C-alpha atoms as a PDB file:
ATOM      1  CA  MET A   1      71.294 193.251 120.237  1.00  0.00           C
ATOM      2  CA  ASN A   2      74.047 194.865 121.948  1.00  0.00           C
ATOM      3  CA  ILE A   3      73.994 198.023 123.886  1.00  0.00           C
ATOM      4  CA  VAL A   4      75.745 200.454 121.009  1.00  0.00           C
ATOM      5  CA  GLN A   5      72.814 198.850 118.598  1.00  0.00           C
ATOM      6  CA  ILE A   6      70.135 199.682 121.204  1.00  0.00           C
ATOM      7  CA  VAL A   7      71.137 203.199 121.686  1.00  0.00           C
ATOM      8  CA  SER A   8      71.328 203.861 117.922  1.00  0.00           C
ATOM      9  CA  ALA A   9      67.863 202.141 117.635  1.00  0.00           C
ATOM     10  CA  ALA A  10      66.367 204.421 120.274  1.00  0.00           C
ATOM     11  CA  ARG A  11      68.072 207.389 118.927  1.00  0.00           C
ATOM     12  CA  GLU A  12      66.624 206.919 115.478  1.00  0.00           C
ATOM     13  CA  GLN A  13      63.157 205.771 116.329  1.00  0.00           C
ATOM     14  CA  LEU A  14      62.630 208.916 118.768  1.00  0.00           C
ATOM     15  CA  SER A  15      64.122 211.282 116.015  1.00  0.00           C
ATOM     16  CA  ILE A  16      61.644 209.988 113.913  1.00  0.00           C
ATOM     17  CA  LEU A  17      58.645 210.151 115.899  1.00  0.00           C
ATOM     18  CA  THR A  18      59.319 213.437 117.715  1.00  0.00           C
ATOM     19  CA  GLY A  19      60.951 215.153 114.636  1.00  0.00           C
ATOM     20  CA  LEU A  20      63.538 216.479 117.295  1.00  0.00           C
ATOM     21  CA  LYS A  21      67.460 216.539 117.171  1.00  0.00           C
ATOM     22  CA  VAL A  22      69.249 214.236 119.725  1.00  0.00           C
ATOM     23  CA  ASP A  23      71.317 216.020 121.956  1.00  0.00           C
ATOM     24  CA  THR A  24      72.971 213.041 123.833  1.00  0.00           C
ATOM     25  CA  VAL A  25      72.040 210.011 125.797  1.00  0.00           C
ATOM     26  CA  SER A  26      72.152 210.036 129.521  1.00  0.00           C
ATOM     27  CA  ARG A  27      71.188 206.534 130.386  1.00  0.00           C
ATOM     28  CA  VAL A  28      70.840 203.124 128.959  1.00  0.00           C
ATOM     29  CA  GLY A  29      70.418 199.964 130.636  1.00  0.00           C
ATOM     30  CA  ARG A  30      68.389 196.377 130.847  1.00  0.00           C
ATOM     31  CA  GLU A  31      64.851 196.322 132.533  1.00  0.00           C
ATOM     32  CA  GLY A  32      63.484 192.958 132.592  1.00  0.00           C
ATOM     33  CA  ARG A  33      63.496 191.603 129.033  1.00  0.00           C
ATOM     34  CA  GLY A  34      63.956 194.863 127.213  1.00  0.00           C
ATOM     35  CA  TRP A  35      65.919 198.237 127.663  1.00  0.00           C
ATOM     36  CA  VAL A  36      65.413 201.723 129.004  1.00  0.00           C
ATOM     37  CA  VAL A  37      67.125 204.715 127.297  1.00  0.00           C
ATOM     38  CA  ASP A  38      67.092 208.465 128.396  1.00  0.00           C
ATOM     39  CA  ILE A  39      67.607 210.771 125.575  1.00  0.00           C
ATOM     40  CA  GLU A  40      68.109 214.667 125.734  1.00  0.00           C
ATOM     41  CA  MET A  41      66.522 216.233 122.864  1.00  0.00           C
ATOM     42  CA  ILE A  42      66.585 219.742 121.445  1.00  0.00           C
ATOM     43  CA  GLU A  43      63.147 220.949 121.540  1.00  0.00           C
ATOM     44  CA  LEU A  44      64.188 224.697 120.683  1.00  0.00           C
ATOM     45  CA  GLN A  45      67.118 226.086 119.508  1.00  0.00           C
ATOM     46  CA  ARG A  46      67.865 229.805 120.550  1.00  0.00           C
ATOM     47  CA  VAL A  47      70.886 232.143 120.396  1.00  0.00           C
ATOM     48  CA  PRO A  48      73.269 231.789 122.219  1.00  0.00           C
ATOM     49  CA  SER A  49      72.896 228.055 122.671  1.00  0.00           C
ATOM     50  CA  SER A  50      72.885 228.152 126.330  1.00  0.00           C
ATOM     51  CA  ASN A  51      69.391 229.246 126.060  1.00  0.00           C
ATOM     52  CA  ASP A  52      68.411 226.083 124.110  1.00  0.00           C
ATOM     53  CA  VAL A  53      65.221 224.415 125.384  1.00  0.00           C
ATOM     54  CA  LEU A  54      65.998 220.691 126.086  1.00  0.00           C
ATOM     55  CA  ALA A  55      63.811 217.873 127.131  1.00  0.00           C
ATOM     56  CA  SER A  56      64.478 214.389 128.732  1.00  0.00           C
ATOM     57  CA  TYR A  57      62.572 211.243 127.195  1.00  0.00           C
ATOM     58  CA  ARG A  58      62.818 208.094 128.559  1.00  0.00           C
ATOM     59  CA  ILE A  59      62.355 205.220 125.937  1.00  0.00           C
ATOM     60  CA  ASN A  60      61.407 201.430 126.685  1.00  0.00           C
ATOM     61  CA  LEU A  61      62.409 198.962 123.934  1.00  0.00           C
ATOM     62  CA  ASP A  62      61.787 195.473 123.505  1.00  0.00           C
ATOM     63  CA  ALA A  63      64.586 192.895 123.476  1.00  0.00           C
ATOM     64  CA  LYS A  64      64.884 193.345 119.506  1.00  0.00           C
ATOM     65  CA  GLY A  65      65.115 197.480 119.847  1.00  0.00           C
ATOM     66  CA  SER A  66      61.776 198.054 118.709  1.00  0.00           C
ATOM     67  CA  MET A  67      60.223 201.164 120.596  1.00  0.00           C
ATOM     68  CA  VAL A  68      57.529 200.004 122.872  1.00  0.00           C
ATOM     69  CA  SER A  69      56.669 203.449 124.666  1.00  0.00           C
ATOM     70  CA  TYR A  70      58.411 206.993 125.395  1.00  0.00           C
ATOM     71  CA  VAL A  71      57.641 209.894 127.675  1.00  0.00           C
ATOM     72  CA  ARG A  72      58.936 213.174 128.061  1.00  0.00           C
ATOM     73  CA  THR A  73      60.210 213.190 131.672  1.00  0.00           C
ATOM     74  CA  HIS A  74      61.469 216.647 131.946  1.00  0.00           C
ATOM     75  CA  ARG A  75      61.973 220.078 130.176  1.00  0.00           C
ATOM     76  CA  TYR A  76      64.622 222.769 130.684  1.00  0.00           C
ATOM     77  CA  THR A  77      67.068 225.223 129.377  1.00  0.00           C
ATOM     78  CA  ARG A  78      70.389 224.174 128.524  1.00  0.00           C
ATOM     79  CA  SER A  79      71.875 226.631 131.250  1.00  0.00           C
ATOM     80  CA  GLU A  80      69.828 225.333 134.128  1.00  0.00           C
ATOM     81  CA  VAL A  81      71.765 223.509 136.641  1.00  0.00           C
ATOM     82  CA  ARG A  82      70.428 219.969 137.285  1.00  0.00           C
ATOM     83  CA  THR A  83      70.983 217.991 140.492  1.00  0.00           C
END
């Protein structure tokens, strides 16, 4: 699978598992024989949107694009400055 297919597979599988909407993909790369993808998900939509609660998820996929594991690594508001 190429990188575009891996990102698409990660987005779709994580959305199905969590029931959350994908905001953005912040990282994708090879790790061993598989892939690691970091995805920002909207956990709670608020008004204004700068108060949305987002979370970073790290997804591990095998070489065929099947999710092996995922973990939420960080939770924050959209307006929070991250360094």
